[in-house]
Amino acid sequence: MGARPERCRQGSPGGRTVEGTEPSRPRPVELPGQWEYLLEVTSILHFMKVKGPPLLPILRSAAQARLLTALLLSPEREFTLSALAEVAQVSLSTATREVQRAESAGIVQTREVGRSRLVRARGEGALVEALSRLLLIAFGPAPVAGEELAAVPGVESAWIFGSWAARHEGLAGPPPNDLDILVIGEPERDAVYAAAERIEQRIFRPVQVTFRSSEEWDRPGEDPFLDEVRQRPRVQVLGGGSP
């Protein structure tokens, strides 16, 4: 996500006075532009009273995460306030307040069409770019994995399991380091691995793929691994319902 901020450096080791010079003083930290905007994003979002989502706790709530993810990860799309309320799983009034906050921060833009108010992500700005990247890393794995795997013939369904799925479902724990995907069907494995590489490049984290046939998935109690996947949090990204 860009260069890390440089550490403060002093003019002489340990801040000692060198003869003929004044005592050295720490230099102020100079943050590259992207880091400044990341800090600004945090300052906008960190004043929460509601518990934030485990995947990105700097956000005020899971509802705010769902609303911003829908807007910023689909920047070409316009949403009505009612549609955003449905996506965020909140009341219309709550969705309206979230949109007002985001608009005042320069993250989204709105326009009136008849009696409807349409909302979309702003098309430019380092603040929007930085927040979009954060949301993509935190919440993008499901839509990105679904999009990439849908293009692979033979994939009947796919699930994300493991730590990312647990955080997505609200269970507290350490941030996920990778993404575990269960692919159901009889696809060409090289095509799935190629899709996994594209997913990695888009969400900035390693992807681990496990394969099972639809017959194995439809027979609970015969595969200990599949039984564990069924019992733990999982997020479906492609295909029909759960067996």
C-alpha atoms as a PDB file:
ATOM      1  CA  MET A   1       0.000   0.000   0.000  1.00  0.00           C
ATOM      2  CA  GLY A   2       2.805   2.353  -0.790  1.00  0.00           C
ATOM      3  CA  ALA A   3       5.911   3.342   1.079  1.00  0.00           C
ATOM      4  CA  ARG A   4       5.903   3.185   4.847  1.00  0.00           C
ATOM      5  CA  PRO A   5       6.436   6.451   6.744  1.00  0.00           C
ATOM      6  CA  GLU A   6      10.042   7.132   7.590  1.00  0.00           C
ATOM      7  CA  ARG A   7      11.108   6.891  11.208  1.00  0.00           C
ATOM      8  CA  CYS A   8      12.099  10.038  13.037  1.00  0.00           C
ATOM      9  CA  ARG A   9      15.853  10.577  12.879  1.00  0.00           C
ATOM     10  CA  GLN A  10      18.056  12.667  15.122  1.00  0.00           C
ATOM     11  CA  GLY A  11      21.043  14.693  14.076  1.00  0.00           C
ATOM     12  CA  SER A  12      23.416  13.003  16.524  1.00  0.00           C
ATOM     13  CA  PRO A  13      23.279   9.592  18.209  1.00  0.00           C
ATOM     14  CA  GLY A  14      21.140   9.590  21.344  1.00  0.00           C
ATOM     15  CA  GLY A  15      20.457  13.306  21.001  1.00  0.00           C
ATOM     16  CA  ARG A  16      23.854  14.189  22.581  1.00  0.00           C
ATOM     17  CA  THR A  17      25.306  17.671  22.202  1.00  0.00           C
ATOM     18  CA  VAL A  18      28.200  17.889  19.789  1.00  0.00           C
ATOM     19  CA  GLU A  19      30.732  20.608  20.498  1.00  0.00           C
ATOM     20  CA  GLY A  20      30.003  23.709  18.453  1.00  0.00           C
ATOM     21  CA  THR A  21      26.452  22.648  17.662  1.00  0.00           C
ATOM     22  CA  GLU A  22      23.071  22.895  19.286  1.00  0.00           C
ATOM     23  CA  PRO A  23      21.454  19.770  20.753  1.00  0.00           C
ATOM     24  CA  SER A  24      19.801  17.739  18.028  1.00  0.00           C
ATOM     25  CA  ARG A  25      16.011  17.630  17.903  1.00  0.00           C
ATOM     26  CA  PRO A  26      13.782  14.925  16.439  1.00  0.00           C
ATOM     27  CA  ARG A  27      12.612  15.745  12.950  1.00  0.00           C
ATOM     28  CA  PRO A  28       8.863  15.653  12.334  1.00  0.00           C
ATOM     29  CA  VAL A  29       7.645  12.550  10.575  1.00  0.00           C
ATOM     30  CA  GLU A  30       6.908  13.238   6.921  1.00  0.00           C
ATOM     31  CA  LEU A  31       4.124  11.037   5.603  1.00  0.00           C
ATOM     32  CA  PRO A  32       3.804  10.297   1.898  1.00  0.00           C
ATOM     33  CA  GLY A  33       0.560  11.539   0.409  1.00  0.00           C
ATOM     34  CA  GLN A  34      -1.239   8.188   0.522  1.00  0.00           C
ATOM     35  CA  TRP A  35      -0.478   7.740   4.206  1.00  0.00           C
ATOM     36  CA  GLU A  36      -1.853  11.202   4.936  1.00  0.00           C
ATOM     37  CA  TYR A  37      -5.125  10.233   3.302  1.00  0.00           C
ATOM     38  CA  LEU A  38      -5.249   6.902   5.124  1.00  0.00           C
ATOM     39  CA  LEU A  39      -4.903   8.786   8.396  1.00  0.00           C
ATOM     40  CA  GLU A  40      -7.627  11.165   7.280  1.00  0.00           C
ATOM     41  CA  VAL A  41      -9.902   8.207   6.533  1.00  0.00           C
ATOM     42  CA  THR A  42      -9.247   6.885  10.027  1.00  0.00           C
ATOM     43  CA  SER A  43      -9.991  10.272  11.590  1.00  0.00           C
ATOM     44  CA  ILE A  44     -13.308  10.397   9.727  1.00  0.00           C
ATOM     45  CA  LEU A  45     -14.390   6.898  10.726  1.00  0.00           C
ATOM     46  CA  HIS A  46     -12.917   6.194  14.151  1.00  0.00           C
ATOM     47  CA  PHE A  47     -15.394   7.982  16.423  1.00  0.00           C
ATOM     48  CA  MET A  48     -17.629   4.930  16.735  1.00  0.00           C
ATOM     49  CA  LYS A  49     -19.869   3.953  19.599  1.00  0.00           C
ATOM     50  CA  VAL A  50     -21.107   0.799  17.869  1.00  0.00           C
ATOM     51  CA  LYS A  51     -18.720  -2.120  17.665  1.00  0.00           C
ATOM     52  CA  GLY A  52     -16.976  -2.127  14.308  1.00  0.00           C
ATOM     53  CA  PRO A  53     -16.760  -5.141  11.960  1.00  0.00           C
ATOM     54  CA  PRO A  54     -13.869  -7.506  12.804  1.00  0.00           C
ATOM     55  CA  LEU A  55     -12.541  -7.331   9.231  1.00  0.00           C
ATOM     56  CA  LEU A  56     -12.004  -3.560   9.501  1.00  0.00           C
ATOM     57  CA  PRO A  57     -12.629  -2.337  13.065  1.00  0.00           C
ATOM     58  CA  ILE A  58     -11.894   1.322  12.238  1.00  0.00           C
ATOM     59  CA  LEU A  59     -15.351   1.442  10.669  1.00  0.00           C
ATOM     60  CA  ARG A  60     -18.214   2.423  12.918  1.00  0.00           C
ATOM     61  CA  SER A  61     -20.410  -0.608  12.233  1.00  0.00           C
ATOM     62  CA  ALA A  62     -20.970  -3.595   9.994  1.00  0.00           C
ATOM     63  CA  ALA A  63     -23.822  -1.681   8.343  1.00  0.00           C
ATOM     64  CA  GLN A  64     -21.493   1.167   7.433  1.00  0.00           C
ATOM     65  CA  ALA A  65     -19.040  -1.376   6.032  1.00  0.00           C
ATOM     66  CA  ARG A  66     -21.723  -2.975   3.838  1.00  0.00           C
ATOM     67  CA  LEU A  67     -22.931   0.391   2.550  1.00  0.00           C
ATOM     68  CA  LEU A  68     -19.475   1.780   1.735  1.00  0.00           C
ATOM     69  CA  THR A  69     -18.340  -1.508   0.211  1.00  0.00           C
ATOM     70  CA  ALA A  70     -21.339  -1.561  -2.136  1.00  0.00           C
ATOM     71  CA  LEU A  71     -20.671   2.009  -3.230  1.00  0.00           C
ATOM     72  CA  LEU A  72     -16.895   2.090  -3.484  1.00  0.00           C
ATOM     73  CA  LEU A  73     -16.349  -1.361  -4.967  1.00  0.00           C
ATOM     74  CA  SER A  74     -18.955  -0.667  -7.682  1.00  0.00           C
ATOM     75  CA  PRO A  75     -18.038   2.926  -8.542  1.00  0.00           C
ATOM     76  CA  GLU A  76     -19.868   2.841 -11.888  1.00  0.00           C
ATOM     77  CA  ARG A  77     -23.216   2.028 -10.249  1.00  0.00           C
ATOM     78  CA  GLU A  78     -25.806   4.391  -8.781  1.00  0.00           C
ATOM     79  CA  PHE A  79     -27.921   3.256  -5.826  1.00  0.00           C
ATOM     80  CA  THR A  80     -31.189   4.586  -4.495  1.00  0.00           C
ATOM     81  CA  LEU A  81     -31.312   5.176  -0.765  1.00  0.00           C
ATOM     82  CA  SER A  82     -33.778   2.305  -0.467  1.00  0.00           C
ATOM     83  CA  ALA A  83     -31.378  -0.044  -2.248  1.00  0.00           C
ATOM     84  CA  LEU A  84     -28.525   1.014   0.039  1.00  0.00           C
ATOM     85  CA  ALA A  85     -30.713   0.474   3.101  1.00  0.00           C
ATOM     86  CA  GLU A  86     -31.403  -3.061   1.869  1.00  0.00           C
ATOM     87  CA  VAL A  87     -27.715  -3.724   1.170  1.00  0.00           C
ATOM     88  CA  ALA A  88     -26.657  -2.361   4.562  1.00  0.00           C
ATOM     89  CA  GLN A  89     -29.565  -4.121   6.336  1.00  0.00           C
ATOM     90  CA  VAL A  90     -30.636  -0.920   8.089  1.00  0.00           C
ATOM     91  CA  SER A  91     -33.586   1.437   8.070  1.00  0.00           C
ATOM     92  CA  LEU A  92     -33.942   4.080   5.370  1.00  0.00           C
ATOM     93  CA  SER A  93     -33.227   6.847   7.883  1.00  0.00           C
ATOM     94  CA  THR A  94     -29.991   5.169   9.008  1.00  0.00           C
ATOM     95  CA  ALA A  95     -28.859   4.693   5.393  1.00  0.00           C
ATOM     96  CA  THR A  96     -29.631   8.357   4.722  1.00  0.00           C
ATOM     97  CA  ARG A  97     -27.470   9.472   7.656  1.00  0.00           C
ATOM     98  CA  GLU A  98     -24.598   7.254   6.509  1.00  0.00           C
ATOM     99  CA  VAL A  99     -24.801   8.712   3.019  1.00  0.00           C
ATOM    100  CA  GLN A 100     -24.810  12.245   4.421  1.00  0.00           C
ATOM    101  CA  ARG A 101     -21.668  11.496   6.439  1.00  0.00           C
ATOM    102  CA  ALA A 102     -19.947   9.973   3.423  1.00  0.00           C
ATOM    103  CA  GLU A 103     -20.955  12.872   1.200  1.00  0.00           C
ATOM    104  CA  SER A 104     -19.699  15.469   3.667  1.00  0.00           C
ATOM    105  CA  ALA A 105     -16.370  13.594   3.753  1.00  0.00           C
ATOM    106  CA  GLY A 106     -16.132  13.732  -0.043  1.00  0.00           C
ATOM    107  CA  ILE A 107     -16.456   9.949  -0.431  1.00  0.00           C
ATOM    108  CA  VAL A 108     -19.749   9.782  -2.356  1.00  0.00           C
ATOM    109  CA  GLN A 109     -21.854  12.099  -4.478  1.00  0.00           C
ATOM    110  CA  THR A 110     -25.619  12.301  -4.872  1.00  0.00           C
ATOM    111  CA  ARG A 111     -28.113  13.683  -7.348  1.00  0.00           C
ATOM    112  CA  GLU A 112     -31.867  14.071  -7.409  1.00  0.00           C
ATOM    113  CA  VAL A 113     -33.910  12.344 -10.120  1.00  0.00           C
ATOM    114  CA  GLY A 114     -37.590  13.042  -9.619  1.00  0.00           C
ATOM    115  CA  ARG A 115     -38.367  11.996  -6.072  1.00  0.00           C
ATOM    116  CA  SER A 116     -35.386   9.672  -5.854  1.00  0.00           C
ATOM    117  CA  ARG A 117     -31.945  10.470  -4.531  1.00  0.00           C
ATOM    118  CA  LEU A 118     -29.226   8.524  -6.333  1.00  0.00           C
ATOM    119  CA  VAL A 119     -25.871   7.823  -4.694  1.00  0.00           C
ATOM    120  CA  ARG A 120     -22.555   6.734  -6.169  1.00  0.00           C
ATOM    121  CA  ALA A 121     -18.887   6.820  -5.229  1.00  0.00           C
ATOM    122  CA  ARG A 122     -16.950   9.905  -6.213  1.00  0.00           C
ATOM    123  CA  GLY A 123     -14.972   9.197  -9.340  1.00  0.00           C
ATOM    124  CA  GLU A 124     -11.692  10.692  -8.191  1.00  0.00           C
ATOM    125  CA  GLY A 125      -9.688  11.764  -5.192  1.00  0.00           C
ATOM    126  CA  ALA A 126      -6.931  10.191  -3.139  1.00  0.00           C
ATOM    127  CA  LEU A 127      -9.275   9.835  -0.156  1.00  0.00           C
ATOM    128  CA  VAL A 128     -11.716   7.749  -2.205  1.00  0.00           C
ATOM    129  CA  GLU A 129      -8.871   5.709  -3.681  1.00  0.00           C
ATOM    130  CA  ALA A 130      -7.360   4.969  -0.258  1.00  0.00           C
ATOM    131  CA  LEU A 131     -10.671   3.985   1.329  1.00  0.00           C
ATOM    132  CA  SER A 132     -11.630   1.879  -1.690  1.00  0.00           C
ATOM    133  CA  ARG A 133      -8.402  -0.054  -1.333  1.00  0.00           C
ATOM    134  CA  LEU A 134      -9.001  -0.663   2.357  1.00  0.00           C
ATOM    135  CA  LEU A 135     -12.514  -1.914   1.654  1.00  0.00           C
ATOM    136  CA  LEU A 136     -11.281  -4.119  -1.182  1.00  0.00           C
ATOM    137  CA  ILE A 137      -8.692  -5.776   1.042  1.00  0.00           C
ATOM    138  CA  ALA A 138     -11.110  -6.225   3.948  1.00  0.00           C
ATOM    139  CA  PHE A 139     -14.439  -7.006   2.252  1.00  0.00           C
ATOM    140  CA  GLY A 140     -13.592  -7.621  -1.394  1.00  0.00           C
ATOM    141  CA  PRO A 141     -12.641 -11.326  -1.252  1.00  0.00           C
ATOM    142  CA  ALA A 142     -16.221 -12.607  -1.590  1.00  0.00           C
ATOM    143  CA  PRO A 143     -17.319 -10.592  -4.651  1.00  0.00           C
ATOM    144  CA  VAL A 144     -13.896 -10.864  -6.281  1.00  0.00           C
ATOM    145  CA  ALA A 145     -13.706 -14.635  -5.774  1.00  0.00           C
ATOM    146  CA  GLY A 146     -17.236 -15.069  -7.076  1.00  0.00           C
ATOM    147  CA  GLU A 147     -16.494 -13.010 -10.167  1.00  0.00           C
ATOM    148  CA  GLU A 148     -13.280 -14.841 -11.020  1.00  0.00           C
ATOM    149  CA  LEU A 149     -14.565 -18.362 -10.335  1.00  0.00           C
ATOM    150  CA  ALA A 150     -17.795 -17.787 -12.259  1.00  0.00           C
ATOM    151  CA  ALA A 151     -15.682 -17.599 -15.419  1.00  0.00           C
ATOM    152  CA  VAL A 152     -14.226 -21.102 -14.861  1.00  0.00           C
ATOM    153  CA  PRO A 153     -16.238 -23.916 -16.481  1.00  0.00           C
ATOM    154  CA  GLY A 154     -17.043 -26.806 -14.184  1.00  0.00           C
ATOM    155  CA  VAL A 155     -17.182 -24.819 -10.931  1.00  0.00           C
ATOM    156  CA  GLU A 156     -20.616 -25.592  -9.520  1.00  0.00           C
ATOM    157  CA  SER A 157     -20.256 -23.682  -6.259  1.00  0.00           C
ATOM    158  CA  ALA A 158     -17.576 -22.127  -4.107  1.00  0.00           C
ATOM    159  CA  TRP A 159     -17.249 -21.159  -0.463  1.00  0.00           C
ATOM    160  CA  ILE A 160     -14.805 -19.084   1.554  1.00  0.00           C
ATOM    161  CA  PHE A 161     -14.039 -20.665   4.912  1.00  0.00           C
ATOM    162  CA  GLY A 162     -11.406 -20.204   7.599  1.00  0.00           C
ATOM    163  CA  SER A 163     -10.398 -17.006   9.389  1.00  0.00           C
ATOM    164  CA  TRP A 164     -11.685 -14.557   6.773  1.00  0.00           C
ATOM    165  CA  ALA A 165     -15.138 -16.148   6.844  1.00  0.00           C
ATOM    166  CA  ALA A 166     -15.132 -16.089  10.654  1.00  0.00           C
ATOM    167  CA  ARG A 167     -14.269 -12.374  10.748  1.00  0.00           C
ATOM    168  CA  HIS A 168     -16.837 -11.682   8.020  1.00  0.00           C
ATOM    169  CA  GLU A 169     -19.524 -13.364  10.126  1.00  0.00           C
ATOM    170  CA  GLY A 170     -18.626 -11.192  13.110  1.00  0.00           C
ATOM    171  CA  LEU A 171     -16.426 -13.518  15.156  1.00  0.00           C
ATOM    172  CA  ALA A 172     -13.551 -11.711  16.858  1.00  0.00           C
ATOM    173  CA  GLY A 173      -9.994 -12.850  16.252  1.00  0.00           C
ATOM    174  CA  PRO A 174      -6.712 -11.928  14.586  1.00  0.00           C
ATOM    175  CA  PRO A 175      -6.823 -10.418  11.089  1.00  0.00           C
ATOM    176  CA  PRO A 176      -6.830 -13.103   8.374  1.00  0.00           C
ATOM    177  CA  ASN A 177      -3.558 -13.511   6.518  1.00  0.00           C
ATOM    178  CA  ASP A 178      -4.891 -15.521   3.593  1.00  0.00           C
ATOM    179  CA  LEU A 179      -8.083 -16.681   1.934  1.00  0.00           C
ATOM    180  CA  ASP A 180      -9.314 -20.291   2.014  1.00  0.00           C
ATOM    181  CA  ILE A 181     -11.645 -21.270  -0.830  1.00  0.00           C
ATOM    182  CA  LEU A 182     -13.497 -24.546  -1.269  1.00  0.00           C
ATOM    183  CA  VAL A 183     -14.339 -25.250  -4.926  1.00  0.00           C
ATOM    184  CA  ILE A 184     -17.114 -27.748  -5.636  1.00  0.00           C
ATOM    185  CA  GLY A 185     -17.373 -29.414  -9.034  1.00  0.00           C
ATOM    186  CA  GLU A 186     -15.134 -30.853 -11.734  1.00  0.00           C
ATOM    187  CA  PRO A 187     -13.283 -27.845 -13.171  1.00  0.00           C
ATOM    188  CA  GLU A 188      -9.936 -27.839 -14.909  1.00  0.00           C
ATOM    189  CA  ARG A 189      -7.634 -27.302 -11.953  1.00  0.00           C
ATOM    190  CA  ASP A 190      -5.125 -25.203 -13.844  1.00  0.00           C
ATOM    191  CA  ALA A 191      -7.958 -22.807 -14.730  1.00  0.00           C
ATOM    192  CA  VAL A 192      -8.937 -22.575 -11.060  1.00  0.00           C
ATOM    193  CA  TYR A 193      -5.336 -21.946 -10.033  1.00  0.00           C
ATOM    194  CA  ALA A 194      -5.105 -19.191 -12.647  1.00  0.00           C
ATOM    195  CA  ALA A 195      -8.289 -17.647 -11.203  1.00  0.00           C
ATOM    196  CA  ALA A 196      -6.788 -17.911  -7.715  1.00  0.00           C
ATOM    197  CA  GLU A 197      -3.749 -15.968  -8.889  1.00  0.00           C
ATOM    198  CA  ARG A 198      -5.990 -13.226 -10.239  1.00  0.00           C
ATOM    199  CA  ILE A 199      -7.873 -13.131  -6.945  1.00  0.00           C
ATOM    200  CA  GLU A 200      -4.570 -12.793  -5.078  1.00  0.00           C
ATOM    201  CA  GLN A 201      -3.531  -9.876  -7.248  1.00  0.00           C
ATOM    202  CA  ARG A 202      -6.829  -8.088  -6.674  1.00  0.00           C
ATOM    203  CA  ILE A 203      -7.244  -8.584  -2.916  1.00  0.00           C
ATOM    204  CA  PHE A 204      -3.558  -8.463  -1.914  1.00  0.00           C
ATOM    205  CA  ARG A 205      -3.524 -11.717   0.046  1.00  0.00           C
ATOM    206  CA  PRO A 206      -2.594 -15.367  -0.666  1.00  0.00           C
ATOM    207  CA  VAL A 207      -5.353 -17.735  -1.773  1.00  0.00           C
ATOM    208  CA  GLN A 208      -5.515 -21.437  -0.865  1.00  0.00           C
ATOM    209  CA  VAL A 209      -7.882 -23.627  -2.912  1.00  0.00           C
ATOM    210  CA  THR A 210      -9.358 -26.995  -1.894  1.00  0.00           C
ATOM    211  CA  PHE A 211     -11.288 -29.146  -4.365  1.00  0.00           C
ATOM    212  CA  ARG A 212     -14.199 -31.503  -3.783  1.00  0.00           C
ATOM    213  CA  SER A 213     -16.733 -33.047  -6.141  1.00  0.00           C
ATOM    214  CA  SER A 214     -20.442 -32.277  -5.877  1.00  0.00           C
ATOM    215  CA  GLU A 215     -21.035 -35.906  -4.847  1.00  0.00           C
ATOM    216  CA  GLU A 216     -18.636 -35.529  -1.910  1.00  0.00           C
ATOM    217  CA  TRP A 217     -20.199 -32.214  -0.904  1.00  0.00           C
ATOM    218  CA  ASP A 218     -23.675 -33.718  -0.943  1.00  0.00           C
ATOM    219  CA  ARG A 219     -22.771 -36.562   1.447  1.00  0.00           C
ATOM    220  CA  PRO A 220     -22.388 -35.177   4.976  1.00  0.00           C
ATOM    221  CA  GLY A 221     -20.590 -37.367   7.481  1.00  0.00           C
ATOM    222  CA  GLU A 222     -18.190 -39.025   5.047  1.00  0.00           C
ATOM    223  CA  ASP A 223     -15.438 -36.393   4.821  1.00  0.00           C
ATOM    224  CA  PRO A 224     -14.150 -34.940   8.144  1.00  0.00           C
ATOM    225  CA  PHE A 225     -12.785 -31.861   6.367  1.00  0.00           C
ATOM    226  CA  LEU A 226     -16.115 -31.070   4.713  1.00  0.00           C
ATOM    227  CA  ASP A 227     -17.955 -31.678   7.975  1.00  0.00           C
ATOM    228  CA  GLU A 228     -15.725 -29.132   9.684  1.00  0.00           C
ATOM    229  CA  VAL A 229     -16.295 -26.607   6.893  1.00  0.00           C
ATOM    230  CA  ARG A 230     -20.051 -27.065   7.251  1.00  0.00           C
ATOM    231  CA  GLN A 231     -19.920 -26.543  11.015  1.00  0.00           C
ATOM    232  CA  ARG A 232     -17.772 -23.401  10.928  1.00  0.00           C
ATOM    233  CA  PRO A 233     -18.512 -19.961   9.474  1.00  0.00           C
ATOM    234  CA  ARG A 234     -18.442 -19.944   5.688  1.00  0.00           C
ATOM    235  CA  VAL A 235     -19.429 -17.477   2.982  1.00  0.00           C
ATOM    236  CA  GLN A 236     -20.838 -18.705  -0.308  1.00  0.00           C
ATOM    237  CA  VAL A 237     -19.432 -16.841  -3.306  1.00  0.00           C
ATOM    238  CA  LEU A 238     -20.838 -18.935  -6.145  1.00  0.00           C
ATOM    239  CA  GLY A 239     -23.556 -21.506  -6.789  1.00  0.00           C
ATOM    240  CA  GLY A 240     -26.781 -22.686  -5.226  1.00  0.00           C
ATOM    241  CA  GLY A 241     -27.786 -23.366  -1.661  1.00  0.00           C
ATOM    242  CA  SER A 242     -26.052 -25.371   1.040  1.00  0.00           C
ATOM    243  CA  PRO A 243     -26.571 -29.139   1.330  1.00  0.00           C
END
